[in-house]
Protein backbone atom coordinates (compact mmCIF):
# COMPACT_ATOMS: atom_id res chain seq x y z
CA MET A 1 3.53 38.28 11.60
CA GLY A 2 2.35 38.26 8.01
CA ALA A 3 5.13 36.26 5.30
CA ALA A 4 5.68 39.41 3.04
CA VAL A 5 7.40 40.95 6.48
CA ARG A 6 8.18 38.44 8.06
CA ILE A 7 10.57 38.21 4.72
CA ALA A 8 11.65 41.73 4.70
CA LEU A 9 12.63 41.48 8.07
CA THR A 10 15.09 38.64 7.43
CA LEU A 11 16.24 40.23 4.53
CA VAL A 12 17.65 43.17 6.30
CA VAL A 13 19.34 41.64 8.85
CA GLY A 14 19.75 38.26 8.18
CA ALA A 15 19.92 34.78 9.20
CA LEU A 16 22.24 33.18 12.67
CA PHE A 17 20.97 29.59 11.65
CA ALA A 18 24.33 28.93 8.92
CA LEU A 19 23.52 24.99 8.66
CA PRO A 20 19.21 24.61 8.90
CA GLY A 21 20.25 20.58 7.65
CA THR A 22 22.05 20.31 11.52
CA ALA A 23 19.65 21.21 13.52
CA ALA A 24 17.96 18.86 16.63
CA ALA A 25 14.54 17.85 15.92
CA GLY A 26 12.32 20.33 18.17
CA THR A 27 14.83 22.98 17.47
CA PHE A 28 14.19 26.53 15.51
CA PRO A 29 16.31 28.51 13.79
CA GLY A 30 15.03 32.38 15.44
CA GLU A 31 15.14 33.93 12.17
CA LEU A 32 14.57 32.58 8.71
CA SER A 33 18.35 32.07 6.79
CA ALA A 34 19.03 34.98 4.50
CA LYS A 35 19.21 31.88 2.33
CA SER A 36 15.64 30.45 2.14
CA ALA A 37 14.37 34.12 2.43
CA LYS A 38 16.82 34.88 -1.20
CA CYS A 39 15.01 31.69 -2.44
CA VAL A 40 11.40 33.02 -1.18
CA ALA A 41 11.89 36.75 -2.63
CA CYS A 42 11.10 35.30 -6.22
CA HIS A 43 10.20 31.89 -5.91
CA LYS A 44 6.30 34.08 -3.91
CA ASP A 45 5.87 35.94 -7.42
CA LYS A 46 7.33 32.69 -10.24
CA SER A 47 5.78 29.88 -7.40
CA HIS A 48 3.18 31.43 -5.73
CA SER A 49 0.69 29.12 -4.67
CA ILE A 50 3.69 26.89 -3.50
CA TYR A 51 4.46 29.87 -2.04
CA GLU A 52 1.01 30.39 -0.19
CA GLN A 53 1.41 26.74 0.31
CA TRP A 54 4.07 26.97 1.96
CA GLY A 55 3.61 30.30 4.22
CA ASN A 56 0.59 28.02 5.77
CA SER A 57 2.53 25.04 6.79
CA LYS A 58 3.97 24.20 10.14
CA HIS A 59 7.71 24.47 8.70
CA PHE A 60 6.81 28.46 7.69
CA ARG A 61 5.75 28.69 11.43
CA ALA A 62 8.96 27.28 12.01
CA ASN A 63 11.49 29.19 10.17
CA VAL A 64 12.19 26.51 8.49
CA GLY A 65 12.21 27.12 4.61
CA CYS A 66 13.52 26.35 0.35
CA TYR A 67 16.78 25.54 0.88
CA GLU A 68 16.74 24.36 4.31
CA CYS A 69 14.62 20.84 2.80
CA HIS A 70 16.32 21.59 -0.99
CA GLN A 71 20.26 22.71 0.07
CA ALA A 72 22.15 19.54 -1.63
CA ASN A 73 26.21 18.56 -1.95
CA PRO A 74 27.89 19.51 -4.88
CA LYS A 75 28.78 15.48 -4.89
CA ASP A 76 25.18 15.25 -4.91
CA VAL A 77 23.78 13.18 -8.17
CA ASP A 78 21.38 15.52 -8.73
CA ALA A 79 22.99 17.90 -7.38
CA PHE A 80 22.76 21.90 -9.49
CA LYS A 81 23.89 25.72 -9.52
CA HIS A 82 20.68 27.73 -8.80
CA GLU A 83 20.68 30.85 -7.93
CA GLY A 84 24.82 30.81 -6.79
CA GLU A 85 23.53 27.82 -4.75
CA VAL A 86 23.85 24.02 -5.27
CA ILE A 87 19.65 22.90 -4.40
CA SER A 88 18.62 18.84 -5.45
CA VAL A 89 14.29 19.45 -7.12
CA ILE A 90 14.04 15.57 -5.24
CA VAL A 91 13.74 16.48 -0.79
CA SER A 92 14.36 11.87 0.54
CA PRO A 93 13.06 10.42 3.19
CA ARG A 94 16.82 10.97 4.16
CA ASP A 95 16.93 14.64 3.72
CA CYS A 96 13.75 15.62 6.18
CA GLY A 97 15.50 12.76 8.44
CA ARG A 98 17.99 15.75 9.72
CA CYS A 99 15.02 17.03 11.48
CA HIS A 100 12.92 13.71 11.42
CA GLU A 101 14.46 11.70 12.90
CA LYS A 102 12.48 9.42 14.34
CA GLU A 103 9.89 9.48 11.40
CA VAL A 104 12.21 8.18 9.03
CA VAL A 105 13.97 5.36 10.77
CA GLU A 106 10.35 3.98 11.09
CA PHE A 107 8.86 4.29 7.45
CA THR A 108 12.22 3.23 6.50
CA ASN A 109 11.99 0.32 8.38
CA SER A 110 8.35 0.08 7.05
CA HIS A 111 6.97 -1.79 3.87
CA HIS A 112 5.84 1.65 2.69
CA ALA A 113 9.94 2.04 1.66
CA LYS A 114 10.93 -1.06 0.05
CA ALA A 115 7.31 -0.76 -2.19
CA GLY A 116 9.15 0.12 -5.37
CA ARG A 117 11.06 -3.24 -4.78
CA ILE A 118 7.66 -4.56 -7.26
CA LEU A 119 8.66 -3.46 -10.12
CA GLY A 120 10.80 -6.71 -10.90
CA SER A 121 7.32 -8.78 -9.57
CA LEU A 122 5.10 -10.28 -11.56
CA ASP A 123 2.76 -7.60 -11.66
CA ASN A 124 5.40 -5.41 -13.37
CA THR A 125 5.44 -7.40 -16.24
CA LEU A 126 1.61 -7.62 -17.31
CA ALA A 127 2.34 -3.09 -16.62
CA GLU A 128 5.36 -3.88 -19.71
CA VAL A 129 5.11 -6.41 -21.40
CA VAL A 130 0.97 -7.81 -21.25
CA GLU A 131 0.01 -4.25 -21.26
CA GLY A 132 2.42 -2.37 -22.84
CA ASN A 133 5.37 -2.33 -24.97
CA GLN A 134 8.60 -0.39 -25.49
CA ALA A 135 7.48 2.64 -27.42
CA PHE A 136 8.33 5.16 -24.99
CA VAL A 137 11.30 5.95 -25.62
CA THR A 138 13.21 9.07 -23.52
CA PRO A 139 16.97 9.40 -22.49
CA GLY A 140 17.58 7.23 -19.29
CA PHE A 141 15.88 4.66 -21.48
CA PRO A 142 17.26 4.31 -24.44
CA HIS A 143 15.66 1.14 -25.60
CA GLY A 144 12.35 1.90 -23.99
CA ASN A 145 10.20 1.42 -21.80
CA SER A 146 5.86 0.94 -20.88
CA ALA A 147 4.14 4.39 -20.81
CA ALA A 148 1.99 1.39 -18.97
CA ALA A 149 3.93 1.22 -16.57
CA VAL A 150 5.72 4.47 -16.37
CA ASN A 151 1.86 6.15 -15.44
CA GLY A 152 0.67 3.10 -13.60
CA CYS A 153 2.57 1.47 -11.13
CA TRP A 154 5.26 3.32 -10.50
CA GLN A 155 3.95 6.46 -9.41
CA CYS A 156 2.35 4.51 -6.43
CA HIS A 157 5.36 2.05 -5.67
CA GLY A 158 7.94 4.74 -6.95
CA SER A 159 10.19 4.68 -9.52
CA GLN A 160 13.64 4.64 -9.21
CA VAL A 161 14.34 8.03 -10.60
CA LYS A 162 17.44 8.39 -12.73
CA VAL A 163 19.60 11.60 -13.21
CA LEU A 164 20.96 12.29 -16.71
CA LYS A 165 24.03 13.28 -18.02
CA ASP A 166 23.24 17.07 -17.86
CA GLY A 167 22.12 16.81 -13.76
CA LYS A 168 18.29 16.75 -15.42
CA LEU A 169 15.58 14.48 -14.32
CA ASP A 170 14.94 11.47 -16.40
CA PRO A 171 11.11 12.36 -17.45
CA ALA A 172 9.70 8.48 -17.32
CA THR A 173 11.44 8.46 -13.66
CA TRP A 174 9.64 11.57 -12.49
CA PRO A 175 7.72 13.70 -11.76
CA ASN A 176 7.08 10.71 -9.30
CA THR A 177 5.74 10.06 -5.46
CA GLY A 178 5.06 6.60 -5.31
CA ILE A 179 5.91 5.76 -1.61
CA GLY A 180 8.64 3.17 -2.25
CA ARG A 181 10.66 5.67 -4.52
CA PHE A 182 14.63 5.20 -5.21
CA ASN A 183 15.75 8.54 -5.29
CA PRO A 184 19.03 9.57 -5.54
CA ASP A 185 20.63 9.81 -2.56
CA GLY A 186 19.88 6.26 -2.13
CA SER A 187 17.55 6.01 -0.20
CA GLU A 188 14.47 4.35 -0.82
CA GLY A 189 11.15 6.39 0.34
CA SER A 190 8.87 9.14 -0.49
CA CYS A 191 7.19 11.50 2.34
CA THR A 192 5.16 13.09 0.05
CA ALA A 193 3.56 10.30 -0.99
CA CYS A 194 1.26 11.21 2.23
CA HIS A 195 2.73 14.75 3.95
CA SER A 196 1.31 16.55 0.10
CA ARG A 197 3.82 19.79 -0.37
CA HIS A 198 4.92 21.98 0.44
CA GLU A 199 1.99 22.83 3.13
CA PHE A 200 2.48 19.06 4.80
CA SER A 201 -0.88 19.17 5.99
CA ILE A 202 -1.39 16.91 7.72
CA THR A 203 -4.64 17.34 8.36
CA VAL A 204 -4.35 15.59 4.11
CA ALA A 205 -2.41 13.28 5.43
CA ARG A 206 -4.86 11.84 8.33
CA HIS A 207 -7.40 11.77 5.87
CA PRO A 208 -8.62 8.39 4.45
CA ASP A 209 -8.23 10.10 0.45
CA THR A 210 -5.03 10.26 0.93
CA CYS A 211 -4.62 6.83 1.89
CA GLY A 212 -6.91 6.05 -1.26
CA LYS A 213 -4.58 7.43 -3.84
CA CYS A 214 -2.78 3.67 -3.83
CA HIS A 215 -4.85 2.44 -1.85
CA MET A 216 -8.05 1.67 -3.72
CA GLY A 217 -9.20 -0.51 -7.33
CA PRO A 218 -9.51 -4.40 -7.79
CA ASP A 219 -6.39 -5.77 -5.90
CA HIS A 220 -6.84 -3.42 -2.85
CA PRO A 221 -9.47 -1.87 -2.43
CA GLN A 222 -8.99 -0.56 1.16
CA ILE A 223 -10.51 3.08 0.77
CA GLU A 224 -13.55 1.85 -1.25
CA ILE A 225 -13.94 -0.73 1.50
CA TYR A 226 -13.11 1.83 4.61
CA ASN A 227 -16.09 3.97 2.80
CA GLU A 228 -18.68 1.18 2.91
CA SER A 229 -17.80 0.21 6.21
CA LYS A 230 -19.61 2.45 9.60
CA HIS A 231 -15.74 3.70 9.88
CA GLY A 232 -16.08 5.43 7.09
CA ILE A 233 -19.63 6.58 7.23
CA ALA A 234 -19.17 7.53 10.92
CA PHE A 235 -16.11 9.76 10.00
CA ARG A 236 -18.37 11.31 6.66
CA ALA A 237 -21.08 12.34 8.53
CA ASN A 238 -18.68 13.71 11.21
CA ILE A 239 -16.32 15.33 9.74
CA ASP A 240 -16.61 18.54 11.55
CA LYS A 241 -15.91 16.35 15.02
CA MET A 242 -13.22 15.06 13.39
CA ASN A 243 -10.22 17.59 14.80
CA LEU A 244 -7.98 16.66 11.95
CA GLY A 245 -5.37 19.41 12.10
CA ALA A 246 -4.63 19.13 15.97
CA ALA A 247 -1.15 18.52 17.20
CA LYS A 248 -1.28 15.48 19.72
CA TRP A 249 -5.24 13.98 17.94
CA ILE A 250 -4.52 11.34 20.50
CA VAL A 251 -7.93 8.81 19.46
CA GLY A 252 -10.40 8.98 22.89
CA GLU A 253 -8.69 12.49 23.99
CA ASP A 254 -9.21 14.93 20.82
CA TYR A 255 -11.77 12.57 18.93
CA ASP A 256 -13.66 10.22 18.65
CA ALA A 257 -16.86 10.24 15.91
CA ALA A 258 -14.41 7.99 14.05
CA PRO A 259 -10.88 6.26 13.45
CA THR A 260 -9.40 7.25 9.77
CA CYS A 261 -6.82 5.01 8.30
CA ALA A 262 -4.28 6.48 10.03
CA THR A 263 -5.89 5.96 13.22
CA CYS A 264 -5.47 2.53 13.09
CA HIS A 265 -2.50 2.55 11.66
CA MET A 266 -0.12 5.27 13.13
CA SER A 267 -1.75 7.76 15.01
CA ALA A 268 -0.94 8.04 18.80
CA THR A 269 -3.52 6.47 20.86
CA PRO A 270 -3.53 7.47 24.96
CA ASN A 271 -0.79 3.90 25.27
CA GLN A 272 1.31 4.34 21.91
CA PRO A 273 2.76 7.34 20.08
CA VAL A 274 2.98 7.85 16.36
CA THR A 275 3.97 5.87 14.44
CA HIS A 276 5.64 6.24 10.50
CA ASP A 277 5.55 1.98 10.36
CA VAL A 278 2.35 0.99 9.03
CA GLY A 279 3.36 -2.26 9.54
CA MET A 280 3.11 -2.94 13.08
CA ARG A 281 -0.45 -2.76 14.06
CA ILE A 282 -1.52 -5.98 11.60
CA SER A 283 -1.84 -10.20 11.95
CA TRP A 284 -2.14 -11.20 8.09
CA ASN A 285 -0.14 -9.61 5.77
CA ASN A 286 -2.86 -10.08 3.10
CA ARG A 287 -0.57 -9.46 -0.54
CA PRO A 288 0.46 -12.89 -1.03
CA PRO A 289 -1.61 -15.41 -3.08
CA VAL A 290 -2.13 -17.14 0.90
CA SER A 291 -1.73 -14.82 4.01
CA VAL A 292 1.48 -14.65 6.33
CA ARG A 293 2.39 -13.55 9.01
CA PRO A 294 3.72 -9.72 8.77
CA GLU A 295 7.07 -11.13 10.69
CA ILE A 296 7.38 -13.01 7.96
CA SER A 297 7.17 -11.01 5.30
CA ASP A 298 9.78 -8.26 7.26
CA ALA A 299 11.92 -11.41 7.86
CA LYS A 300 12.61 -11.11 4.02
CA LEU A 301 13.08 -8.12 3.09
CA GLY A 302 15.06 -8.04 6.23
CA LEU A 303 13.32 -5.46 8.21
CA PRO A 304 14.05 -5.15 11.86
CA GLY A 305 9.92 -6.34 11.88
CA ALA A 306 10.92 -10.10 11.74
CA LYS A 307 11.18 -9.34 15.90
CA VAL A 308 8.54 -8.21 15.87
CA PRO A 309 5.35 -11.14 16.41
CA TRP A 310 2.34 -11.13 15.31
CA GLN A 311 0.57 -11.28 18.69
CA GLN A 312 1.58 -7.96 20.25
CA ARG A 313 1.02 -6.81 16.56
CA ARG A 314 -2.14 -7.62 16.88
CA LYS A 315 -2.03 -6.05 20.98
CA ALA A 316 -1.13 -2.61 19.17
CA MET A 317 -4.14 -2.90 17.21
CA GLU A 318 -6.39 -3.65 19.42
CA ASP A 319 -5.62 -0.74 21.76
CA VAL A 320 -6.90 1.21 19.18
CA CYS A 321 -9.51 -0.97 19.09
CA SER A 322 -10.86 -0.81 22.77
CA ASN A 323 -10.52 3.52 22.65
CA CYS A 324 -14.06 2.74 20.66
CA HIS A 325 -15.17 -1.48 21.55
CA ASN A 326 -15.08 -3.07 24.39
CA SER A 327 -13.33 -6.36 24.47
CA SER A 328 -15.64 -9.17 23.36
CA PHE A 329 -16.36 -7.25 19.92
CA ILE A 330 -13.17 -7.49 19.58
CA ASP A 331 -12.46 -10.71 20.25
CA GLY A 332 -15.20 -11.38 17.91
CA PHE A 333 -14.22 -8.95 15.46
CA TYR A 334 -11.37 -11.26 15.40
CA VAL A 335 -12.19 -14.14 15.44
CA GLN A 336 -14.61 -13.81 11.68
CA TYR A 337 -12.10 -12.46 9.99
CA ASP A 338 -9.44 -15.11 10.73
CA GLY A 339 -11.98 -17.13 9.91
CA LEU A 340 -12.66 -15.96 6.74
CA ILE A 341 -8.49 -16.07 6.57
CA GLU A 342 -8.90 -19.82 6.97
CA LEU A 343 -11.34 -20.07 4.96
CA TYR A 344 -9.85 -18.88 1.92
CA HIS A 345 -6.25 -20.51 2.12
CA GLU A 346 -8.02 -24.56 3.41
CA LYS A 347 -10.90 -24.07 -0.22
CA PHE A 348 -8.71 -22.06 -2.71
CA ALA A 349 -5.80 -20.57 -2.41
CA LYS A 350 -4.05 -23.79 -1.08
CA PRO A 351 -5.38 -25.76 -3.58
CA GLY A 352 -4.64 -23.91 -6.41
CA LEU A 353 -1.19 -23.00 -5.70
CA ALA A 354 -0.68 -26.86 -5.89
CA LEU A 355 -2.82 -27.44 -9.31
CA MET A 356 -0.72 -24.18 -10.33
CA ALA A 357 2.56 -26.32 -9.85
CA LEU A 358 1.19 -29.41 -11.10
CA ALA A 359 -0.83 -27.43 -14.08
CA GLU A 360 2.68 -26.11 -14.81
CA PRO A 361 4.75 -28.61 -17.33
CA LEU A 362 1.30 -27.89 -19.37
CA LYS A 363 1.01 -25.21 -20.08
CA ASN A 364 2.30 -22.93 -22.63
CA LYS A 365 5.30 -20.04 -22.02
CA PRO A 366 5.52 -17.64 -21.18
CA LYS A 367 2.99 -16.20 -18.77
CA PHE A 368 -0.13 -14.58 -19.63
CA SER A 369 -0.09 -16.32 -22.49
CA GLU A 370 -2.64 -19.17 -21.14
CA LYS A 371 -5.77 -18.20 -20.72
CA ILE A 372 -5.77 -19.73 -17.33
CA ASP A 373 -2.83 -18.14 -15.94
CA PHE A 374 -5.13 -14.52 -16.21
CA THR A 375 -7.45 -16.67 -14.20
CA TRP A 376 -6.10 -18.43 -11.09
CA PHE A 377 -4.08 -14.25 -11.10
CA GLU A 378 -7.15 -12.74 -10.84
CA LEU A 379 -8.61 -15.34 -8.42
CA TRP A 380 -5.40 -14.68 -5.56
CA HIS A 381 -4.66 -11.23 -6.31
CA HIS A 382 -8.04 -9.56 -7.04
CA GLU A 383 -10.79 -11.32 -5.27
CA GLY A 384 -8.73 -12.68 -1.92
CA ARG A 385 -6.90 -9.98 -1.15
CA ARG A 386 -11.21 -8.15 -1.67
CA ALA A 387 -12.41 -11.20 0.13
CA ARG A 388 -9.40 -11.01 2.82
CA HIS A 389 -9.25 -7.05 3.03
CA GLY A 390 -12.65 -6.66 3.42
CA ALA A 391 -13.65 -9.09 5.92
CA SER A 392 -9.76 -6.97 8.07
CA MET A 393 -11.60 -3.15 7.80
CA MET A 394 -15.14 -4.32 8.22
CA GLY A 395 -16.88 -4.43 5.03
CA PRO A 396 -19.01 -7.08 4.37
CA ASP A 397 -20.12 -6.37 0.51
CA ILE A 398 -16.67 -6.25 -0.69
CA THR A 399 -15.72 -9.29 1.58
CA HIS A 400 -18.22 -11.37 0.14
CA TRP A 401 -20.07 -10.37 -3.34
CA HIS A 402 -17.07 -8.56 -4.58
CA GLY A 403 -14.53 -11.29 -3.03
CA THR A 404 -15.27 -14.90 -1.88
CA TYR A 405 -18.22 -15.30 -4.82
CA GLU A 406 -16.32 -13.97 -7.45
CA VAL A 407 -13.36 -16.35 -5.91
CA ALA A 408 -15.42 -19.56 -6.01
CA ARG A 409 -17.37 -18.57 -8.94
CA ASN A 410 -14.64 -18.67 -11.40
CA TRP A 411 -13.32 -21.15 -9.44
CA TYR A 412 -16.49 -23.24 -10.42
CA SER A 413 -16.62 -21.80 -13.75
CA GLU A 414 -13.29 -20.70 -15.48
CA PHE A 415 -10.62 -22.55 -12.94
CA ILE A 416 -11.44 -26.18 -12.87
CA PRO A 417 -12.76 -26.54 -16.01
CA GLU A 418 -9.64 -24.43 -17.61
CA LEU A 419 -7.92 -27.60 -15.36
CA ARG A 420 -9.55 -30.12 -17.82
CA GLU A 421 -9.00 -28.65 -20.93
CA LEU A 422 -5.17 -28.59 -19.70
CA ILE A 423 -5.54 -32.79 -18.69
CA GLU A 424 -7.08 -33.46 -22.07
CA ARG A 425 -5.00 -31.15 -23.71
CA GLY A 426 -1.91 -32.86 -21.82
CA LYS A 427 -3.45 -36.93 -22.34
CA HIS A 428 -3.27 -36.45 -26.24
CA SER A 429 -0.64 -35.05 -26.10
CA ALA A 430 2.55 -37.18 -27.76
CA ASP A 431 5.01 -35.92 -25.42
CA MET A 432 5.33 -38.74 -22.66
CA THR A 433 6.31 -36.17 -20.09
CA LYS A 434 2.57 -33.60 -20.29
CA GLN A 435 1.55 -36.96 -20.00
CA ILE A 436 2.24 -37.83 -17.05
CA ALA A 437 2.38 -34.98 -16.15
CA ALA A 438 -2.18 -34.36 -17.16
CA SER A 439 -1.74 -37.61 -14.92
CA LYS A 440 -0.67 -36.02 -11.77
CA LEU A 441 -2.56 -33.71 -12.55
CA GLU A 442 -6.00 -34.94 -13.41
CA ALA A 443 -5.39 -37.10 -10.06
CA LYS A 444 -4.95 -34.22 -7.92
CA LEU A 445 -7.75 -32.52 -8.90
CA THR A 446 -9.87 -35.83 -8.57
CA GLU A 447 -8.75 -36.29 -4.54
CA ILE A 448 -9.45 -31.53 -3.74
CA LEU A 449 -12.89 -32.54 -5.25
CA GLU A 450 -13.85 -35.27 -3.54
CA SER A 451 -12.42 -33.65 -0.36
CA ALA A 452 -15.16 -32.16 1.58
CA ASN A 453 -14.69 -28.79 0.36
CA HIS A 454 -15.57 -29.23 -2.90
CA ARG A 455 -17.81 -32.28 -3.98
CA TRP A 456 -20.64 -30.27 -3.27
CA PHE A 457 -19.25 -29.32 -6.70
CA ILE A 458 -19.59 -33.21 -7.95
CA ASN A 459 -22.96 -33.91 -6.13
CA LYS A 460 -21.32 -35.13 -3.90
CA MET A 461 -22.18 -33.60 -1.14
CA ASP A 462 -22.34 -35.71 2.93
CA PRO A 463 -25.96 -36.95 3.49
CA ALA A 464 -25.13 -35.68 6.99
CA GLU A 465 -25.02 -32.17 6.51
CA LYS A 466 -27.29 -32.01 3.08
CA ALA A 467 -30.05 -33.28 5.87
CA ARG A 468 -29.08 -30.20 8.60
CA ARG A 469 -29.37 -27.59 4.99
CA GLN A 470 -32.28 -28.84 4.46
CA ALA A 471 -33.78 -29.20 7.98
CA ARG A 472 -32.33 -25.53 8.38
CA GLN A 473 -34.45 -24.01 5.59
CA GLN A 474 -37.23 -25.66 7.04
CA GLU A 475 -36.59 -24.38 10.51
CA PHE A 476 -36.22 -20.51 7.98
CA LYS A 477 -39.96 -21.65 6.30
CA ALA A 478 -41.37 -21.82 9.18
CA ARG A 479 -39.99 -18.95 11.29
CA TYR A 480 -41.27 -16.31 8.02
CA LYS A 481 -44.37 -18.63 7.03
């Protein structure tokens, strides 16, 4: 039955489903409600594309319409009266949870839902101060805001949506589908970050490009890594075999040509159900300067994942991998991945943090007024993350050339010389505290450069190691003579 015929019948017979928002998950009204039918009768002409998208959705087939999602309580801060009904523009996770309770609980307990909390971090200082200014004035921000933050950070991480006195939404904070959006009803997150309205296509949600809207670029290039990997190559070559629109979509049953982001981090396997907590299958959180186990970062956010150890999460991911790979392949991959994490930590991240802490008294204030601030930030935030993420997703070029190579190049050619400049500046300062700080920094730098990881740089490579390297070079030349 076509949408127009169905709506016409609904307008004639009315609806028995008086309070659709109270329906339990898995139960659906027999007909479209009269209130939604009234919405559709108008919007099919005024917003035809939205009408068509909804008509192609599972919501349409389940008789879930405009009102079921957009209904509001008159006491809601963003509620307004429209054509005799009280509605709100924003459909929050709390609204979706009226029917999708399990999914919303899982999502709310995930790092995705907390992504908006980054807005007060060092990253946002860059967007608000270093990159931006306060010239973007709106009713919600009479003292101004940074257009760089509004159009950049907030669109992925989510803004705090401000409701103005007249009930309208402040244009600096809306439109916004950032996955960690702070909603007027107090909930965090945005389901439409992945389930694009108004079709809410599962095919779109499962497609890697949906994740790539935010997971891309210099500091978290997951889509670029995926595209480089065998996984991404297989996906593009076999997209017609992926069965992305299947209701069940269990890897190894409904498809086996390639995995997507959803396959590994969210979707069902023969042994696991779907999860909307994308952290439940990762064993390292590679966001900080030094990677941490995910239960540690969950604890900092007060999430229940604090009780789920990384070993359990790794087993969950290994279960996904086992649908295509044998145990020796999976075990070998994790040995390689953990080895890269350890290399980055011990050679660069931990020494770098120690050096930057000692350099702090010698630097100008505020942050990013010294070149070394940018150098160190990009070492861990861009290059170090790329190396770690690249290894986690089997992207060798990004792991090496865009990762560890750039970490090393900038460590030795930028970071170390800039530290030496700070030391010299401190030594010649009239301020005794800076002289002392310079002495401490110099001692630490000397200690680090004398260590096994860095002594090659000061031409003190261990003779035994040098001999081994020369032997390997001769072996190589003999092999390919």
